[in-house]
Amino acid sequence: MAKAKKLPKFVKLIKPSKPVKALFDVKAFAETAAKTAAKPHDLGSFIEVIDEGEGTSTYLFEAKQKGYVGWRWAITVFQLDPATEPTLSEVNLVPGEESISAPKWIPWAERLADYQALQLELEKQAKEDAEANALVETEVVLEEEVVLAVADFEVSEDTEDQTN
């Protein structure tokens, strides 16, 4: 068995005179703040508490609002120690992992470059289509001229027969 070491004389162990108990229910405090911010029946069940450090905690509650599937009410509370009254810092609606949120932001220069490349491609395609249509129209005109020439030839033979 290990032998307990004695502490040096200059080290004093300070014991609290009274045991400190949590005087405030911080979770109930956060829930009250969320109910105040949300409309009736928009606040769901408690999800989790995230310790932000230095006496700050964020309490997450389910949001039941239409159009906010997967979102959460985030209530950030500061409490210096268990004996002090908590302070409300923030009440927010934040997206969860399964929530629908906006796509990742793309800088304007990149979006403009993509738009300009698309416009050039569309212009090129329109030019190719116009050239293809012009060739088809030329072929149709040539076919019509051949048909007219054959018709003229037939008419001229008939007229020769009638004159003889």
C-alpha atoms as a PDB file:
ATOM      1  CA  MET A   1       0.000   0.000   0.000  1.00  0.00           C
ATOM      2  CA  ALA A   2       1.247   3.453  -0.971  1.00  0.00           C
ATOM      3  CA  LYS A   3       2.278   5.725   1.818  1.00  0.00           C
ATOM      4  CA  ALA A   4       0.416   9.074   1.988  1.00  0.00           C
ATOM      5  CA  LYS A   5       2.721  12.043   1.697  1.00  0.00           C
ATOM      6  CA  LYS A   6       2.426  14.963   4.036  1.00  0.00           C
ATOM      7  CA  LEU A   7       1.920  18.371   2.477  1.00  0.00           C
ATOM      8  CA  PRO A   8       4.435  21.126   3.205  1.00  0.00           C
ATOM      9  CA  LYS A   9       3.587  23.485   6.089  1.00  0.00           C
ATOM     10  CA  PHE A  10       2.975  26.486   3.826  1.00  0.00           C
ATOM     11  CA  VAL A  11       0.114  24.704   1.985  1.00  0.00           C
ATOM     12  CA  LYS A  12      -3.220  25.240   3.660  1.00  0.00           C
ATOM     13  CA  LEU A  13      -6.293  23.301   2.684  1.00  0.00           C
ATOM     14  CA  ILE A  14      -9.304  25.523   2.662  1.00  0.00           C
ATOM     15  CA  LYS A  15     -12.606  23.840   3.232  1.00  0.00           C
ATOM     16  CA  PRO A  16     -15.810  25.717   2.500  1.00  0.00           C
ATOM     17  CA  SER A  17     -17.748  26.668   5.576  1.00  0.00           C
ATOM     18  CA  LYS A  18     -21.061  25.692   3.970  1.00  0.00           C
ATOM     19  CA  PRO A  19     -21.622  23.172   1.187  1.00  0.00           C
ATOM     20  CA  VAL A  20     -22.544  24.986  -2.051  1.00  0.00           C
ATOM     21  CA  LYS A  21     -25.641  23.673  -3.761  1.00  0.00           C
ATOM     22  CA  ALA A  22     -27.015  24.683  -7.116  1.00  0.00           C
ATOM     23  CA  LEU A  23     -29.518  27.339  -6.194  1.00  0.00           C
ATOM     24  CA  PHE A  24     -30.816  27.813  -9.718  1.00  0.00           C
ATOM     25  CA  ASP A  25     -32.175  25.322 -12.217  1.00  0.00           C
ATOM     26  CA  VAL A  26     -30.405  26.644 -15.319  1.00  0.00           C
ATOM     27  CA  LYS A  27     -32.191  24.226 -17.671  1.00  0.00           C
ATOM     28  CA  ALA A  28     -35.593  25.503 -16.469  1.00  0.00           C
ATOM     29  CA  PHE A  29     -34.289  29.065 -16.829  1.00  0.00           C
ATOM     30  CA  ALA A  30     -33.258  28.362 -20.449  1.00  0.00           C
ATOM     31  CA  GLU A  31     -36.578  26.664 -21.198  1.00  0.00           C
ATOM     32  CA  THR A  32     -38.488  29.672 -19.877  1.00  0.00           C
ATOM     33  CA  ALA A  33     -36.422  31.968 -22.113  1.00  0.00           C
ATOM     34  CA  ALA A  34     -37.116  29.734 -25.134  1.00  0.00           C
ATOM     35  CA  LYS A  35     -40.862  29.662 -24.393  1.00  0.00           C
ATOM     36  CA  THR A  36     -40.829  33.453 -24.198  1.00  0.00           C
ATOM     37  CA  ALA A  37     -39.108  33.762 -27.594  1.00  0.00           C
ATOM     38  CA  ALA A  38     -41.070  31.038 -29.408  1.00  0.00           C
ATOM     39  CA  LYS A  39     -44.752  31.083 -30.273  1.00  0.00           C
ATOM     40  CA  PRO A  40     -47.014  28.687 -28.391  1.00  0.00           C
ATOM     41  CA  HIS A  41     -46.480  25.058 -29.439  1.00  0.00           C
ATOM     42  CA  ASP A  42     -43.315  25.958 -31.433  1.00  0.00           C
ATOM     43  CA  LEU A  43     -40.946  24.759 -28.721  1.00  0.00           C
ATOM     44  CA  GLY A  44     -40.226  21.044 -28.653  1.00  0.00           C
ATOM     45  CA  SER A  45     -38.389  18.823 -26.243  1.00  0.00           C
ATOM     46  CA  PHE A  46     -34.940  19.355 -24.748  1.00  0.00           C
ATOM     47  CA  ILE A  47     -32.133  17.968 -26.964  1.00  0.00           C
ATOM     48  CA  GLU A  48     -28.817  18.651 -25.224  1.00  0.00           C
ATOM     49  CA  VAL A  49     -26.645  21.105 -23.352  1.00  0.00           C
ATOM     50  CA  ILE A  50     -23.304  22.227 -24.770  1.00  0.00           C
ATOM     51  CA  ASP A  51     -20.694  23.518 -22.324  1.00  0.00           C
ATOM     52  CA  GLU A  52     -19.054  26.512 -24.030  1.00  0.00           C
ATOM     53  CA  GLY A  53     -16.533  27.026 -21.208  1.00  0.00           C
ATOM     54  CA  GLU A  54     -15.995  29.807 -18.668  1.00  0.00           C
ATOM     55  CA  GLY A  55     -19.485  29.472 -17.191  1.00  0.00           C
ATOM     56  CA  THR A  56     -21.309  29.643 -20.537  1.00  0.00           C
ATOM     57  CA  SER A  57     -23.666  26.887 -21.656  1.00  0.00           C
ATOM     58  CA  THR A  58     -25.980  26.526 -24.646  1.00  0.00           C
ATOM     59  CA  TYR A  59     -29.227  24.629 -24.208  1.00  0.00           C
ATOM     60  CA  LEU A  60     -30.779  23.204 -27.372  1.00  0.00           C
ATOM     61  CA  PHE A  61     -34.511  22.598 -27.758  1.00  0.00           C
ATOM     62  CA  GLU A  62     -36.396  21.184 -30.740  1.00  0.00           C
ATOM     63  CA  ALA A  63     -38.120  23.769 -32.966  1.00  0.00           C
ATOM     64  CA  LYS A  64     -41.575  22.729 -34.187  1.00  0.00           C
ATOM     65  CA  GLN A  65     -42.226  25.670 -36.495  1.00  0.00           C
ATOM     66  CA  LYS A  66     -43.476  25.050 -40.012  1.00  0.00           C
ATOM     67  CA  GLY A  67     -40.666  25.521 -42.522  1.00  0.00           C
ATOM     68  CA  TYR A  68     -37.965  24.912 -39.907  1.00  0.00           C
ATOM     69  CA  VAL A  69     -37.601  21.140 -40.057  1.00  0.00           C
ATOM     70  CA  GLY A  70     -34.495  20.077 -38.151  1.00  0.00           C
ATOM     71  CA  TRP A  71     -33.869  23.519 -36.647  1.00  0.00           C
ATOM     72  CA  ARG A  72     -33.264  24.113 -32.949  1.00  0.00           C
ATOM     73  CA  TRP A  73     -33.779  26.824 -30.394  1.00  0.00           C
ATOM     74  CA  ALA A  74     -30.358  27.643 -28.915  1.00  0.00           C
ATOM     75  CA  ILE A  75     -30.428  29.423 -25.552  1.00  0.00           C
ATOM     76  CA  THR A  76     -27.028  30.576 -24.323  1.00  0.00           C
ATOM     77  CA  VAL A  77     -26.789  31.171 -20.583  1.00  0.00           C
ATOM     78  CA  PHE A  78     -23.945  32.466 -18.440  1.00  0.00           C
ATOM     79  CA  GLN A  79     -23.574  31.462 -14.803  1.00  0.00           C
ATOM     80  CA  LEU A  80     -20.413  32.404 -12.946  1.00  0.00           C
ATOM     81  CA  ASP A  81     -20.809  29.666 -10.331  1.00  0.00           C
ATOM     82  CA  PRO A  82     -23.663  27.477  -9.072  1.00  0.00           C
ATOM     83  CA  ALA A  83     -24.525  29.992  -6.341  1.00  0.00           C
ATOM     84  CA  THR A  84     -25.031  32.974  -8.695  1.00  0.00           C
ATOM     85  CA  GLU A  85     -28.092  33.747 -10.725  1.00  0.00           C
ATOM     86  CA  PRO A  86     -27.805  32.792 -14.423  1.00  0.00           C
ATOM     87  CA  THR A  87     -27.797  35.478 -17.103  1.00  0.00           C
ATOM     88  CA  LEU A  88     -29.450  35.068 -20.491  1.00  0.00           C
ATOM     89  CA  SER A  89     -26.994  35.819 -23.307  1.00  0.00           C
ATOM     90  CA  GLU A  90     -28.713  34.749 -26.560  1.00  0.00           C
ATOM     91  CA  VAL A  91     -31.841  33.104 -27.912  1.00  0.00           C
ATOM     92  CA  ASN A  92     -31.453  31.917 -31.523  1.00  0.00           C
ATOM     93  CA  LEU A  93     -32.889  29.541 -34.053  1.00  0.00           C
ATOM     94  CA  VAL A  94     -29.992  27.490 -35.440  1.00  0.00           C
ATOM     95  CA  PRO A  95     -29.953  24.778 -38.123  1.00  0.00           C
ATOM     96  CA  GLY A  96     -29.379  21.196 -37.059  1.00  0.00           C
ATOM     97  CA  GLU A  97     -27.603  18.483 -39.023  1.00  0.00           C
ATOM     98  CA  GLU A  98     -30.772  17.354 -40.821  1.00  0.00           C
ATOM     99  CA  SER A  99     -32.130  20.858 -41.464  1.00  0.00           C
ATOM    100  CA  ILE A 100     -32.692  22.523 -44.792  1.00  0.00           C
ATOM    101  CA  SER A 101     -30.354  25.472 -45.142  1.00  0.00           C
ATOM    102  CA  ALA A 102     -29.030  27.753 -47.852  1.00  0.00           C
ATOM    103  CA  PRO A 103     -26.301  26.435 -50.162  1.00  0.00           C
ATOM    104  CA  LYS A 104     -22.683  27.335 -49.580  1.00  0.00           C
ATOM    105  CA  TRP A 105     -21.885  30.914 -50.595  1.00  0.00           C
ATOM    106  CA  ILE A 106     -19.967  31.334 -53.851  1.00  0.00           C
ATOM    107  CA  PRO A 107     -18.038  34.584 -54.471  1.00  0.00           C
ATOM    108  CA  TRP A 108     -19.468  36.910 -57.124  1.00  0.00           C
ATOM    109  CA  ALA A 109     -16.360  36.688 -59.334  1.00  0.00           C
ATOM    110  CA  GLU A 110     -16.759  32.907 -59.634  1.00  0.00           C
ATOM    111  CA  ARG A 111     -20.496  33.151 -60.282  1.00  0.00           C
ATOM    112  CA  LEU A 112     -19.878  35.833 -62.931  1.00  0.00           C
ATOM    113  CA  ALA A 113     -17.215  33.704 -64.642  1.00  0.00           C
ATOM    114  CA  ASP A 114     -19.610  30.731 -64.732  1.00  0.00           C
ATOM    115  CA  TYR A 115     -22.363  32.967 -66.146  1.00  0.00           C
ATOM    116  CA  GLN A 116     -20.089  34.397 -68.838  1.00  0.00           C
ATOM    117  CA  ALA A 117     -18.873  30.919 -69.850  1.00  0.00           C
ATOM    118  CA  LEU A 118     -22.494  29.775 -70.125  1.00  0.00           C
ATOM    119  CA  GLN A 119     -23.365  32.790 -72.298  1.00  0.00           C
ATOM    120  CA  LEU A 120     -20.441  32.090 -74.642  1.00  0.00           C
ATOM    121  CA  GLU A 121     -21.495  28.452 -74.953  1.00  0.00           C
ATOM    122  CA  LEU A 122     -25.093  29.455 -75.705  1.00  0.00           C
ATOM    123  CA  GLU A 123     -23.935  31.956 -78.361  1.00  0.00           C
ATOM    124  CA  LYS A 124     -21.717  29.306 -79.959  1.00  0.00           C
ATOM    125  CA  GLN A 125     -24.588  26.820 -79.967  1.00  0.00           C
ATOM    126  CA  ALA A 126     -26.970  29.400 -81.484  1.00  0.00           C
ATOM    127  CA  LYS A 127     -24.438  30.190 -84.230  1.00  0.00           C
ATOM    128  CA  GLU A 128     -24.020  26.470 -85.037  1.00  0.00           C
ATOM    129  CA  ASP A 129     -27.813  26.032 -85.143  1.00  0.00           C
ATOM    130  CA  ALA A 130     -28.171  29.049 -87.456  1.00  0.00           C
ATOM    131  CA  GLU A 131     -25.499  27.648 -89.817  1.00  0.00           C
ATOM    132  CA  ALA A 132     -27.186  24.246 -89.831  1.00  0.00           C
ATOM    133  CA  ASN A 133     -30.559  25.856 -90.605  1.00  0.00           C
ATOM    134  CA  ALA A 134     -28.975  27.894 -93.419  1.00  0.00           C
ATOM    135  CA  LEU A 135     -27.571  24.697 -94.997  1.00  0.00           C
ATOM    136  CA  VAL A 136     -30.962  22.985 -94.768  1.00  0.00           C
ATOM    137  CA  GLU A 137     -32.655  26.008 -96.370  1.00  0.00           C
ATOM    138  CA  THR A 138     -30.068  26.044 -99.180  1.00  0.00           C
ATOM    139  CA  GLU A 139     -30.670  22.342 -99.857  1.00  0.00           C
ATOM    140  CA  VAL A 140     -34.438  22.946 -99.941  1.00  0.00           C
ATOM    141  CA  VAL A 141     -33.984  25.819-102.391  1.00  0.00           C
ATOM    142  CA  LEU A 142     -31.725  23.662-104.613  1.00  0.00           C
ATOM    143  CA  GLU A 143     -34.272  20.816-104.541  1.00  0.00           C
ATOM    144  CA  GLU A 144     -37.038  23.248-105.523  1.00  0.00           C
ATOM    145  CA  GLU A 145     -34.921  24.545-108.434  1.00  0.00           C
ATOM    146  CA  VAL A 146     -34.318  20.980-109.637  1.00  0.00           C
ATOM    147  CA  VAL A 147     -38.046  20.230-109.435  1.00  0.00           C
ATOM    148  CA  LEU A 148     -38.827  23.442-111.314  1.00  0.00           C
ATOM    149  CA  ALA A 149     -36.201  22.664-113.943  1.00  0.00           C
ATOM    150  CA  VAL A 150     -37.613  19.167-114.459  1.00  0.00           C
ATOM    151  CA  ALA A 151     -41.109  20.610-114.660  1.00  0.00           C
ATOM    152  CA  ASP A 152     -39.944  23.176-117.214  1.00  0.00           C
ATOM    153  CA  PHE A 153     -38.291  20.425-119.237  1.00  0.00           C
ATOM    154  CA  GLU A 154     -41.490  18.359-119.230  1.00  0.00           C
ATOM    155  CA  VAL A 155     -43.535  21.346-120.199  1.00  0.00           C
ATOM    156  CA  SER A 156     -41.182  22.143-123.043  1.00  0.00           C
ATOM    157  CA  GLU A 157     -41.383  18.566-124.420  1.00  0.00           C
ATOM    158  CA  ASP A 158     -45.164  18.718-124.375  1.00  0.00           C
ATOM    159  CA  THR A 159     -45.163  22.001-126.214  1.00  0.00           C
ATOM    160  CA  GLU A 160     -42.776  20.577-128.828  1.00  0.00           C
ATOM    161  CA  ASP A 161     -45.102  17.608-129.363  1.00  0.00           C
ATOM    162  CA  GLN A 162     -48.050  19.900-129.824  1.00  0.00           C
ATOM    163  CA  THR A 163     -46.236  22.070-132.316  1.00  0.00           C
ATOM    164  CA  ASN A 164     -45.256  19.070-134.483  1.00  0.00           C
END
